[in-house]
Amino acid sequence: MWGCHDGPNGWGWFWMALMMALVWVPLILGGIWLARALRRAGEGPDAPQRHEVAARELARRAYARGEIDRERFIQMMADLDQTERPPGAGRPAEPRGVPTEAAPAPAAR
């Protein structure tokens, strides 16, 4: 009587393990998928992209080291501004992060 719980051929443990796997594997994979989806949704479309922030910082550092001139720096910042703005939004008068040059002093008379 006690030995009949596995059925006549002894494969009851196999079917029990298979049915447990069919329940737990989808639950675990679904949890992983949900966690990734929520993490990506938290960033949102308006969040600054990591590579754009890094690109701005790299351009500033190159300008500070003198590796690029002011015109090239302004062009790089304008290009980055253009990629951050939706088409047709217009361009700013002066790109963000561009150092302004001091006006020359008037000549003494």
PDB file of N, CA and C in Angstrom:
ATOM      1  N   MET A   1       0.812  -1.181   0.000  1.00  0.00           N
ATOM      2  CA  MET A   1       0.000   0.000   0.000  1.00  0.00           C
ATOM      3  C   MET A   1       0.864   1.256   0.000  1.00  0.00           C
ATOM      4  N   TRP A   2       1.918   1.300   0.787  1.00  0.00           N
ATOM      5  CA  TRP A   2       2.744   2.499   0.845  1.00  0.00           C
ATOM      6  C   TRP A   2       3.593   2.678  -0.407  1.00  0.00           C
ATOM      7  N   GLY A   3       3.912   1.647  -1.096  1.00  0.00           N
ATOM      8  CA  GLY A   3       4.753   1.724  -2.272  1.00  0.00           C
ATOM      9  C   GLY A   3       4.005   2.079  -3.555  1.00  0.00           C
ATOM     10  N   CYS A   4       2.703   2.315  -3.530  1.00  0.00           N
ATOM     11  CA  CYS A   4       1.919   2.570  -4.736  1.00  0.00           C
ATOM     12  C   CYS A   4       1.814   4.044  -5.099  1.00  0.00           C
ATOM     13  N   HIS A   5       2.429   4.950  -4.337  1.00  0.00           N
ATOM     14  CA  HIS A   5       2.259   6.370  -4.636  1.00  0.00           C
ATOM     15  C   HIS A   5       3.056   6.792  -5.872  1.00  0.00           C
ATOM     16  N   ASP A   6       4.031   6.013  -6.317  1.00  0.00           N
ATOM     17  CA  ASP A   6       4.785   6.341  -7.521  1.00  0.00           C
ATOM     18  C   ASP A   6       4.181   5.714  -8.765  1.00  0.00           C
ATOM     19  N   GLY A   7       3.129   5.042  -8.654  1.00  0.00           N
ATOM     20  CA  GLY A   7       2.518   4.387  -9.797  1.00  0.00           C
ATOM     21  C   GLY A   7       3.164   3.034 -10.034  1.00  0.00           C
ATOM     22  N   PRO A   8       2.687   2.359 -11.042  1.00  0.00           N
ATOM     23  CA  PRO A   8       3.187   1.006 -11.267  1.00  0.00           C
ATOM     24  C   PRO A   8       4.617   0.961 -11.802  1.00  0.00           C
ATOM     25  N   ASN A   9       5.109   2.046 -12.458  1.00  0.00           N
ATOM     26  CA  ASN A   9       6.446   1.975 -13.041  1.00  0.00           C
ATOM     27  C   ASN A   9       7.483   2.819 -12.298  1.00  0.00           C
ATOM     28  N   GLY A  10       7.146   3.576 -11.274  1.00  0.00           N
ATOM     29  CA  GLY A  10       8.107   4.337 -10.480  1.00  0.00           C
ATOM     30  C   GLY A  10       8.517   5.680 -11.067  1.00  0.00           C
ATOM     31  N   TRP A  11       7.788   6.233 -12.033  1.00  0.00           N
ATOM     32  CA  TRP A  11       8.136   7.512 -12.650  1.00  0.00           C
ATOM     33  C   TRP A  11       7.358   8.697 -12.073  1.00  0.00           C
ATOM     34  N   GLY A  12       6.719   8.541 -10.960  1.00  0.00           N
ATOM     35  CA  GLY A  12       5.925   9.616 -10.358  1.00  0.00           C
ATOM     36  C   GLY A  12       6.777  10.826  -9.988  1.00  0.00           C
ATOM     37  N   TRP A  13       7.988  10.597  -9.516  1.00  0.00           N
ATOM     38  CA  TRP A  13       8.881  11.711  -9.145  1.00  0.00           C
ATOM     39  C   TRP A  13       9.241  12.565 -10.353  1.00  0.00           C
ATOM     40  N   PHE A  14       9.388  11.926 -11.520  1.00  0.00           N
ATOM     41  CA  PHE A  14       9.736  12.651 -12.738  1.00  0.00           C
ATOM     42  C   PHE A  14       8.613  13.609 -13.132  1.00  0.00           C
ATOM     43  N   TRP A  15       7.380  13.112 -13.115  1.00  0.00           N
ATOM     44  CA  TRP A  15       6.249  13.958 -13.506  1.00  0.00           C
ATOM     45  C   TRP A  15       6.042  15.091 -12.513  1.00  0.00           C
ATOM     46  N   MET A  16       6.277  14.838 -11.243  1.00  0.00           N
ATOM     47  CA  MET A  16       6.135  15.885 -10.242  1.00  0.00           C
ATOM     48  C   MET A  16       7.202  16.970 -10.462  1.00  0.00           C
ATOM     49  N   ALA A  17       8.434  16.585 -10.741  1.00  0.00           N
ATOM     50  CA  ALA A  17       9.500  17.558 -10.992  1.00  0.00           C
ATOM     51  C   ALA A  17       9.218  18.344 -12.261  1.00  0.00           C
ATOM     52  N   LEU A  18       8.724  17.702 -13.286  1.00  0.00           N
ATOM     53  CA  LEU A  18       8.404  18.387 -14.540  1.00  0.00           C
ATOM     54  C   LEU A  18       7.289  19.411 -14.326  1.00  0.00           C
ATOM     55  N   MET A  19       6.264  19.057 -13.612  1.00  0.00           N
ATOM     56  CA  MET A  19       5.154  19.982 -13.372  1.00  0.00           C
ATOM     57  C   MET A  19       5.606  21.165 -12.510  1.00  0.00           C
ATOM     58  N   MET A  20       6.466  20.932 -11.547  1.00  0.00           N
ATOM     59  CA  MET A  20       6.982  22.039 -10.734  1.00  0.00           C
ATOM     60  C   MET A  20       7.818  22.986 -11.585  1.00  0.00           C
ATOM     61  N   ALA A  21       8.621  22.439 -12.498  1.00  0.00           N
ATOM     62  CA  ALA A  21       9.426  23.275 -13.382  1.00  0.00           C
ATOM     63  C   ALA A  21       8.532  24.091 -14.307  1.00  0.00           C
ATOM     64  N   LEU A  22       7.448  23.497 -14.779  1.00  0.00           N
ATOM     65  CA  LEU A  22       6.532  24.229 -15.651  1.00  0.00           C
ATOM     66  C   LEU A  22       5.828  25.372 -14.924  1.00  0.00           C
ATOM     67  N   VAL A  23       5.785  25.334 -13.613  1.00  0.00           N
ATOM     68  CA  VAL A  23       5.192  26.432 -12.836  1.00  0.00           C
ATOM     69  C   VAL A  23       6.256  27.456 -12.461  1.00  0.00           C
ATOM     70  N   TRP A  24       7.385  27.017 -11.904  1.00  0.00           N
ATOM     71  CA  TRP A  24       8.367  27.944 -11.360  1.00  0.00           C
ATOM     72  C   TRP A  24       9.224  28.645 -12.399  1.00  0.00           C
ATOM     73  N   VAL A  25       9.609  28.002 -13.469  1.00  0.00           N
ATOM     74  CA  VAL A  25      10.461  28.630 -14.485  1.00  0.00           C
ATOM     75  C   VAL A  25       9.769  29.839 -15.117  1.00  0.00           C
ATOM     76  N   PRO A  26       8.511  29.736 -15.562  1.00  0.00           N
ATOM     77  CA  PRO A  26       7.864  30.944 -16.099  1.00  0.00           C
ATOM     78  C   PRO A  26       7.698  32.055 -15.062  1.00  0.00           C
ATOM     79  N   LEU A  27       7.441  31.684 -13.802  1.00  0.00           N
ATOM     80  CA  LEU A  27       7.308  32.712 -12.765  1.00  0.00           C
ATOM     81  C   LEU A  27       8.626  33.467 -12.548  1.00  0.00           C
ATOM     82  N   ILE A  28       9.728  32.763 -12.508  1.00  0.00           N
ATOM     83  CA  ILE A  28      11.032  33.404 -12.299  1.00  0.00           C
ATOM     84  C   ILE A  28      11.412  34.245 -13.512  1.00  0.00           C
ATOM     85  N   LEU A  29      11.240  33.714 -14.718  1.00  0.00           N
ATOM     86  CA  LEU A  29      11.560  34.477 -15.928  1.00  0.00           C
ATOM     87  C   LEU A  29      10.659  35.709 -16.065  1.00  0.00           C
ATOM     88  N   GLY A  30       9.394  35.576 -15.710  1.00  0.00           N
ATOM     89  CA  GLY A  30       8.481  36.721 -15.743  1.00  0.00           C
ATOM     90  C   GLY A  30       8.884  37.803 -14.753  1.00  0.00           C
ATOM     91  N   GLY A  31       9.359  37.400 -13.588  1.00  0.00           N
ATOM     92  CA  GLY A  31       9.837  38.377 -12.601  1.00  0.00           C
ATOM     93  C   GLY A  31      11.064  39.128 -13.092  1.00  0.00           C
ATOM     94  N   ILE A  32      11.977  38.421 -13.723  1.00  0.00           N
ATOM     95  CA  ILE A  32      13.172  39.072 -14.277  1.00  0.00           C
ATOM     96  C   ILE A  32      12.780  40.043 -15.382  1.00  0.00           C
ATOM     97  N   TRP A  33      11.890  39.626 -16.255  1.00  0.00           N
ATOM     98  CA  TRP A  33      11.432  40.500 -17.344  1.00  0.00           C
ATOM     99  C   TRP A  33      10.739  41.747 -16.781  1.00  0.00           C
ATOM    100  N   LEU A  34       9.896  41.581 -15.770  1.00  0.00           N
ATOM    101  CA  LEU A  34       9.189  42.709 -15.175  1.00  0.00           C
ATOM    102  C   LEU A  34      10.152  43.685 -14.512  1.00  0.00           C
ATOM    103  N   ALA A  35      11.158  43.173 -13.813  1.00  0.00           N
ATOM    104  CA  ALA A  35      12.137  44.053 -13.170  1.00  0.00           C
ATOM    105  C   ALA A  35      12.904  44.866 -14.201  1.00  0.00           C
ATOM    106  N   ARG A  36      13.298  44.258 -15.298  1.00  0.00           N
ATOM    107  CA  ARG A  36      14.008  44.991 -16.359  1.00  0.00           C
ATOM    108  C   ARG A  36      13.109  46.026 -17.014  1.00  0.00           C
ATOM    109  N   ALA A  37      11.853  45.669 -17.255  1.00  0.00           N
ATOM    110  CA  ALA A  37      10.921  46.607 -17.891  1.00  0.00           C
ATOM    111  C   ALA A  37      10.668  47.809 -16.998  1.00  0.00           C
ATOM    112  N   LEU A  38      10.523  47.594 -15.704  1.00  0.00           N
ATOM    113  CA  LEU A  38      10.304  48.714 -14.782  1.00  0.00           C
ATOM    114  C   LEU A  38      11.535  49.603 -14.676  1.00  0.00           C
ATOM    115  N   ARG A  39      12.710  49.017 -14.720  1.00  0.00           N
ATOM    116  CA  ARG A  39      13.939  49.804 -14.653  1.00  0.00           C
ATOM    117  C   ARG A  39      14.072  50.686 -15.893  1.00  0.00           C
ATOM    118  N   ARG A  40      13.754  50.137 -17.069  1.00  0.00           N
ATOM    119  CA  ARG A  40      13.822  50.919 -18.302  1.00  0.00           C
ATOM    120  C   ARG A  40      12.738  51.993 -18.339  1.00  0.00           C
ATOM    121  N   ALA A  41      11.563  51.693 -17.804  1.00  0.00           N
ATOM    122  CA  ALA A  41      10.466  52.663 -17.809  1.00  0.00           C
ATOM    123  C   ALA A  41      10.769  53.832 -16.883  1.00  0.00           C
ATOM    124  N   GLY A  42      11.570  53.615 -15.850  1.00  0.00           N
ATOM    125  CA  GLY A  42      11.933  54.685 -14.928  1.00  0.00           C
ATOM    126  C   GLY A  42      12.816  55.732 -15.560  1.00  0.00           C
ATOM    127  N   GLU A  43      13.543  55.368 -16.599  1.00  0.00           N
ATOM    128  CA  GLU A  43      14.406  56.339 -17.269  1.00  0.00           C
ATOM    129  C   GLU A  43      13.583  57.301 -18.099  1.00  0.00           C
ATOM    130  N   GLY A  44      12.579  56.838 -18.786  1.00  0.00           N
ATOM    131  CA  GLY A  44      11.697  57.689 -19.566  1.00  0.00           C
ATOM    132  C   GLY A  44      12.356  58.266 -20.802  1.00  0.00           C
ATOM    133  N   PRO A  45      11.533  58.776 -21.740  1.00  0.00           N
ATOM    134  CA  PRO A  45      12.096  59.325 -22.979  1.00  0.00           C
ATOM    135  C   PRO A  45      12.767  60.682 -22.780  1.00  0.00           C
ATOM    136  N   ASP A  46      12.411  61.418 -21.714  1.00  0.00           N
ATOM    137  CA  ASP A  46      12.983  62.742 -21.496  1.00  0.00           C
ATOM    138  C   ASP A  46      14.293  62.708 -20.718  1.00  0.00           C
ATOM    139  N   ALA A  47      14.664  61.545 -20.214  1.00  0.00           N
ATOM    140  CA  ALA A  47      15.906  61.440 -19.453  1.00  0.00           C
ATOM    141  C   ALA A  47      17.098  61.637 -20.384  1.00  0.00           C
ATOM    142  N   PRO A  48      18.120  62.372 -19.938  1.00  0.00           N
ATOM    143  CA  PRO A  48      19.287  62.563 -20.806  1.00  0.00           C
ATOM    144  C   PRO A  48      19.995  61.241 -21.040  1.00  0.00           C
ATOM    145  N   GLN A  49      20.423  61.051 -22.244  1.00  0.00           N
ATOM    146  CA  GLN A  49      21.125  59.829 -22.582  1.00  0.00           C
ATOM    147  C   GLN A  49      22.543  59.888 -22.035  1.00  0.00           C
ATOM    148  N   ARG A  50      23.028  58.771 -21.553  1.00  0.00           N
ATOM    149  CA  ARG A  50      24.358  58.736 -20.946  1.00  0.00           C
ATOM    150  C   ARG A  50      25.448  59.117 -21.939  1.00  0.00           C
ATOM    151  N   HIS A  51      25.336  58.667 -23.183  1.00  0.00           N
ATOM    152  CA  HIS A  51      26.394  58.948 -24.146  1.00  0.00           C
ATOM    153  C   HIS A  51      26.412  60.420 -24.534  1.00  0.00           C
ATOM    154  N   GLU A  52      25.264  61.109 -24.490  1.00  0.00           N
ATOM    155  CA  GLU A  52      25.245  62.530 -24.809  1.00  0.00           C
ATOM    156  C   GLU A  52      25.913  63.331 -23.701  1.00  0.00           C
ATOM    157  N   VAL A  53      25.665  62.971 -22.461  1.00  0.00           N
ATOM    158  CA  VAL A  53      26.301  63.657 -21.347  1.00  0.00           C
ATOM    159  C   VAL A  53      27.812  63.438 -21.412  1.00  0.00           C
ATOM    160  N   ALA A  54      28.209  62.228 -21.711  1.00  0.00           N
ATOM    161  CA  ALA A  54      29.631  61.930 -21.812  1.00  0.00           C
ATOM    162  C   ALA A  54      30.250  62.685 -22.987  1.00  0.00           C
ATOM    163  N   ALA A  55      29.525  62.818 -24.081  1.00  0.00           N
ATOM    164  CA  ALA A  55      30.053  63.522 -25.249  1.00  0.00           C
ATOM    165  C   ALA A  55      30.279  64.994 -24.927  1.00  0.00           C
ATOM    166  N   ARG A  56      29.348  65.611 -24.223  1.00  0.00           N
ATOM    167  CA  ARG A  56      29.516  67.016 -23.825  1.00  0.00           C
ATOM    168  C   ARG A  56      30.736  67.175 -22.915  1.00  0.00           C
ATOM    169  N   GLU A  57      30.859  66.285 -21.974  1.00  0.00           N
ATOM    170  CA  GLU A  57      31.980  66.383 -21.041  1.00  0.00           C
ATOM    171  C   GLU A  57      33.304  66.175 -21.760  1.00  0.00           C
ATOM    172  N   LEU A  58      33.352  65.240 -22.684  1.00  0.00           N
ATOM    173  CA  LEU A  58      34.578  65.012 -23.444  1.00  0.00           C
ATOM    174  C   LEU A  58      34.943  66.231 -24.285  1.00  0.00           C
ATOM    175  N   ALA A  59      33.936  66.865 -24.870  1.00  0.00           N
ATOM    176  CA  ALA A  59      34.206  68.069 -25.668  1.00  0.00           C
ATOM    177  C   ALA A  59      34.732  69.197 -24.780  1.00  0.00           C
ATOM    178  N   ARG A  60      34.143  69.372 -23.608  1.00  0.00           N
ATOM    179  CA  ARG A  60      34.621  70.422 -22.689  1.00  0.00           C
ATOM    180  C   ARG A  60      36.064  70.168 -22.252  1.00  0.00           C
ATOM    181  N   ARG A  61      36.353  68.926 -21.963  1.00  0.00           N
ATOM    182  CA  ARG A  61      37.722  68.600 -21.528  1.00  0.00           C
ATOM    183  C   ARG A  61      38.733  68.819 -22.655  1.00  0.00           C
ATOM    184  N   ALA A  62      38.360  68.425 -23.873  1.00  0.00           N
ATOM    185  CA  ALA A  62      39.256  68.629 -25.020  1.00  0.00           C
ATOM    186  C   ALA A  62      39.483  70.115 -25.260  1.00  0.00           C
ATOM    187  N   TYR A  63      38.443  70.929 -25.100  1.00  0.00           N
ATOM    188  CA  TYR A  63      38.582  72.374 -25.271  1.00  0.00           C
ATOM    189  C   TYR A  63      39.462  72.962 -24.162  1.00  0.00           C
ATOM    190  N   ALA A  64      39.264  72.482 -22.943  1.00  0.00           N
ATOM    191  CA  ALA A  64      40.061  72.982 -21.819  1.00  0.00           C
ATOM    192  C   ALA A  64      41.537  72.615 -21.980  1.00  0.00           C
ATOM    193  N   ARG A  65      41.821  71.468 -22.559  1.00  0.00           N
ATOM    194  CA  ARG A  65      43.214  71.063 -22.766  1.00  0.00           C
ATOM    195  C   ARG A  65      43.830  71.726 -23.987  1.00  0.00           C
ATOM    196  N   GLY A  66      43.003  72.400 -24.790  1.00  0.00           N
ATOM    197  CA  GLY A  66      43.519  73.060 -25.971  1.00  0.00           C
ATOM    198  C   GLY A  66      43.637  72.142 -27.175  1.00  0.00           C
ATOM    199  N   GLU A  67      43.015  70.983 -27.130  1.00  0.00           N
ATOM    200  CA  GLU A  67      43.080  70.033 -28.240  1.00  0.00           C
ATOM    201  C   GLU A  67      42.212  70.472 -29.410  1.00  0.00           C
ATOM    202  N   ILE A  68      41.159  71.232 -29.129  1.00  0.00           N
ATOM    203  CA  ILE A  68      40.297  71.751 -30.187  1.00  0.00           C
ATOM    204  C   ILE A  68      40.163  73.255 -30.001  1.00  0.00           C
ATOM    205  N   ASP A  69      39.903  73.971 -31.100  1.00  0.00           N
ATOM    206  CA  ASP A  69      39.748  75.416 -30.992  1.00  0.00           C
ATOM    207  C   ASP A  69      38.285  75.763 -30.686  1.00  0.00           C
ATOM    208  N   ARG A  70      38.030  77.055 -30.478  1.00  0.00           N
ATOM    209  CA  ARG A  70      36.705  77.504 -30.065  1.00  0.00           C
ATOM    210  C   ARG A  70      35.651  77.199 -31.131  1.00  0.00           C
ATOM    211  N   GLU A  71      35.982  77.419 -32.392  1.00  0.00           N
ATOM    212  CA  GLU A  71      35.007  77.180 -33.453  1.00  0.00           C
ATOM    213  C   GLU A  71      34.593  75.707 -33.494  1.00  0.00           C
ATOM    214  N   ARG A  72      35.573  74.826 -33.367  1.00  0.00           N
ATOM    215  CA  ARG A  72      35.267  73.390 -33.362  1.00  0.00           C
ATOM    216  C   ARG A  72      34.424  73.031 -32.140  1.00  0.00           C
ATOM    217  N   PHE A  73      34.729  73.626 -30.986  1.00  0.00           N
ATOM    218  CA  PHE A  73      33.967  73.364 -29.767  1.00  0.00           C
ATOM    219  C   PHE A  73      32.523  73.827 -29.934  1.00  0.00           C
ATOM    220  N   ILE A  74      32.337  75.029 -30.486  1.00  0.00           N
ATOM    221  CA  ILE A  74      30.986  75.535 -30.704  1.00  0.00           C
ATOM    222  C   ILE A  74      30.231  74.634 -31.666  1.00  0.00           C
ATOM    223  N   GLN A  75      30.884  74.163 -32.705  1.00  0.00           N
ATOM    224  CA  GLN A  75      30.238  73.265 -33.662  1.00  0.00           C
ATOM    225  C   GLN A  75      29.846  71.954 -32.990  1.00  0.00           C
ATOM    226  N   MET A  76      30.713  71.421 -32.152  1.00  0.00           N
ATOM    227  CA  MET A  76      30.406  70.165 -31.460  1.00  0.00           C
ATOM    228  C   MET A  76      29.205  70.343 -30.526  1.00  0.00           C
ATOM    229  N   MET A  77      29.167  71.451 -29.778  1.00  0.00           N
ATOM    230  CA  MET A  77      28.054  71.700 -28.867  1.00  0.00           C
ATOM    231  C   MET A  77      26.754  71.909 -29.654  1.00  0.00           C
ATOM    232  N   ALA A  78      26.838  72.604 -30.779  1.00  0.00           N
ATOM    233  CA  ALA A  78      25.641  72.811 -31.606  1.00  0.00           C
ATOM    234  C   ALA A  78      25.135  71.476 -32.149  1.00  0.00           C
ATOM    235  N   ASP A  79      26.044  70.630 -32.569  1.00  0.00           N
ATOM    236  CA  ASP A  79      25.644  69.308 -33.054  1.00  0.00           C
ATOM    237  C   ASP A  79      24.963  68.503 -31.949  1.00  0.00           C
ATOM    238  N   LEU A  80      25.505  68.570 -30.752  1.00  0.00           N
ATOM    239  CA  LEU A  80      24.901  67.846 -29.635  1.00  0.00           C
ATOM    240  C   LEU A  80      23.549  68.443 -29.272  1.00  0.00           C
ATOM    241  N   ASP A  81      23.421  69.776 -29.309  1.00  0.00           N
ATOM    242  CA  ASP A  81      22.125  70.408 -29.054  1.00  0.00           C
ATOM    243  C   ASP A  81      21.101  69.971 -30.081  1.00  0.00           C
ATOM    244  N   GLN A  82      21.525  69.859 -31.319  1.00  0.00           N
ATOM    245  CA  GLN A  82      20.619  69.485 -32.394  1.00  0.00           C
ATOM    246  C   GLN A  82      20.122  68.053 -32.209  1.00  0.00           C
ATOM    247  N   THR A  83      20.961  67.165 -31.719  1.00  0.00           N
ATOM    248  CA  THR A  83      20.531  65.783 -31.511  1.00  0.00           C
ATOM    249  C   THR A  83      19.620  65.663 -30.305  1.00  0.00           C
ATOM    250  N   GLU A  84      19.704  66.590 -29.351  1.00  0.00           N
ATOM    251  CA  GLU A  84      18.857  66.533 -28.163  1.00  0.00           C
ATOM    252  C   GLU A  84      17.489  67.132 -28.408  1.00  0.00           C
ATOM    253  N   ARG A  85      17.361  68.024 -29.359  1.00  0.00           N
ATOM    254  CA  ARG A  85      16.093  68.701 -29.623  1.00  0.00           C
ATOM    255  C   ARG A  85      15.327  67.954 -30.708  1.00  0.00           C
ATOM    256  N   PRO A  86      13.985  67.959 -30.584  1.00  0.00           N
ATOM    257  CA  PRO A  86      13.194  67.360 -31.660  1.00  0.00           C
ATOM    258  C   PRO A  86      13.286  68.215 -32.914  1.00  0.00           C
ATOM    259  N   PRO A  87      13.090  67.638 -34.087  1.00  0.00           N
ATOM    260  CA  PRO A  87      13.181  68.405 -35.332  1.00  0.00           C
ATOM    261  C   PRO A  87      12.168  69.545 -35.343  1.00  0.00           C
ATOM    262  N   GLY A  88      12.599  70.698 -35.825  1.00  0.00           N
ATOM    263  CA  GLY A  88      11.721  71.854 -35.922  1.00  0.00           C
ATOM    264  C   GLY A  88      11.602  72.657 -34.653  1.00  0.00           C
ATOM    265  N   ALA A  89      12.324  72.289 -33.594  1.00  0.00           N
ATOM    266  CA  ALA A  89      12.214  73.015 -32.329  1.00  0.00           C
ATOM    267  C   ALA A  89      13.039  74.292 -32.347  1.00  0.00           C
ATOM    268  N   GLY A  90      13.860  74.488 -33.342  1.00  0.00           N
ATOM    269  CA  GLY A  90      14.688  75.685 -33.404  1.00  0.00           C
ATOM    270  C   GLY A  90      15.990  75.473 -32.660  1.00  0.00           C
ATOM    271  N   ARG A  91      16.965  76.255 -33.019  1.00  0.00           N
ATOM    272  CA  ARG A  91      18.267  76.129 -32.375  1.00  0.00           C
ATOM    273  C   ARG A  91      18.466  77.282 -31.423  1.00  0.00           C
ATOM    274  N   PRO A  92      19.164  77.065 -30.321  1.00  0.00           N
ATOM    275  CA  PRO A  92      19.434  78.168 -29.409  1.00  0.00           C
ATOM    276  C   PRO A  92      20.431  79.134 -30.032  1.00  0.00           C
ATOM    277  N   ALA A  93      20.428  80.375 -29.526  1.00  0.00           N
ATOM    278  CA  ALA A  93      21.335  81.383 -30.060  1.00  0.00           C
ATOM    279  C   ALA A  93      22.785  80.981 -29.820  1.00  0.00           C
ATOM    280  N   GLU A  94      23.086  80.474 -28.661  1.00  0.00           N
ATOM    281  CA  GLU A  94      24.447  80.054 -28.307  1.00  0.00           C
ATOM    282  C   GLU A  94      24.326  78.673 -27.676  1.00  0.00           C
ATOM    283  N   PRO A  95      25.055  77.674 -28.140  1.00  0.00           N
ATOM    284  CA  PRO A  95      24.959  76.334 -27.561  1.00  0.00           C
ATOM    285  C   PRO A  95      25.309  76.346 -26.078  1.00  0.00           C
ATOM    286  N   ARG A  96      24.708  75.413 -25.351  1.00  0.00           N
ATOM    287  CA  ARG A  96      24.965  75.309 -23.920  1.00  0.00           C
ATOM    288  C   ARG A  96      26.415  74.938 -23.661  1.00  0.00           C
ATOM    289  N   GLY A  97      26.976  75.526 -22.622  1.00  0.00           N
ATOM    290  CA  GLY A  97      28.328  75.185 -22.207  1.00  0.00           C
ATOM    291  C   GLY A  97      29.421  75.855 -23.001  1.00  0.00           C
ATOM    292  N   VAL A  98      29.096  76.815 -23.851  1.00  0.00           N
ATOM    293  CA  VAL A  98      30.111  77.482 -24.653  1.00  0.00           C
ATOM    294  C   VAL A  98      30.630  78.678 -23.875  1.00  0.00           C
ATOM    295  N   PRO A  99      31.923  78.760 -23.645  1.00  0.00           N
ATOM    296  CA  PRO A  99      32.456  79.915 -22.932  1.00  0.00           C
ATOM    297  C   PRO A  99      32.363  81.162 -23.806  1.00  0.00           C
ATOM    298  N   THR A 100      31.996  82.256 -23.192  1.00  0.00           N
ATOM    299  CA  THR A 100      31.881  83.496 -23.954  1.00  0.00           C
ATOM    300  C   THR A 100      33.210  84.229 -23.917  1.00  0.00           C
ATOM    301  N   GLU A 101      33.505  84.894 -25.007  1.00  0.00           N
ATOM    302  CA  GLU A 101      34.743  85.666 -25.079  1.00  0.00           C
ATOM    303  C   GLU A 101      34.469  87.073 -24.588  1.00  0.00           C
ATOM    304  N   ALA A 102      35.417  87.632 -23.879  1.00  0.00           N
ATOM    305  CA  ALA A 102      35.267  88.981 -23.386  1.00  0.00           C
ATOM    306  C   ALA A 102      35.418  89.952 -24.558  1.00  0.00           C
ATOM    307  N   ALA A 103      34.635  91.036 -24.511  1.00  0.00           N
ATOM    308  CA  ALA A 103      34.713  92.046 -25.566  1.00  0.00           C
ATOM    309  C   ALA A 103      36.028  92.813 -25.387  1.00  0.00           C
ATOM    310  N   PRO A 104      36.652  93.241 -26.484  1.00  0.00           N
ATOM    311  CA  PRO A 104      37.896  93.981 -26.350  1.00  0.00           C
ATOM    312  C   PRO A 104      37.641  95.349 -25.674  1.00  0.00           C
ATOM    313  N   ALA A 105      38.599  95.750 -24.884  1.00  0.00           N
ATOM    314  CA  ALA A 105      38.469  97.018 -24.159  1.00  0.00           C
ATOM    315  C   ALA A 105      38.575  98.164 -25.156  1.00  0.00           C
ATOM    316  N   PRO A 106      37.840  99.247 -24.917  1.00  0.00           N
ATOM    317  CA  PRO A 106      37.921 100.391 -25.820  1.00  0.00           C
ATOM    318  C   PRO A 106      39.305 101.025 -25.753  1.00  0.00           C
ATOM    319  N   ALA A 107      39.741 101.569 -26.877  1.00  0.00           N
ATOM    320  CA  ALA A 107      41.073 102.214 -26.940  1.00  0.00           C
ATOM    321  C   ALA A 107      41.039 103.521 -26.179  1.00  0.00           C
ATOM    322  N   ALA A 108      42.125 103.785 -25.438  1.00  0.00           N
ATOM    323  CA  ALA A 108      42.232 105.022 -24.679  1.00  0.00           C
ATOM    324  C   ALA A 108      42.579 106.171 -25.621  1.00  0.00           C
ATOM    325  N   ARG A 109      42.059 107.392 -25.348  1.00  0.00           N
ATOM    326  CA  ARG A 109      42.336 108.567 -26.184  1.00  0.00           C
ATOM    327  C   ARG A 109      43.272 109.484 -25.519  1.00  0.00           C
TER     328      ARG A 109
END
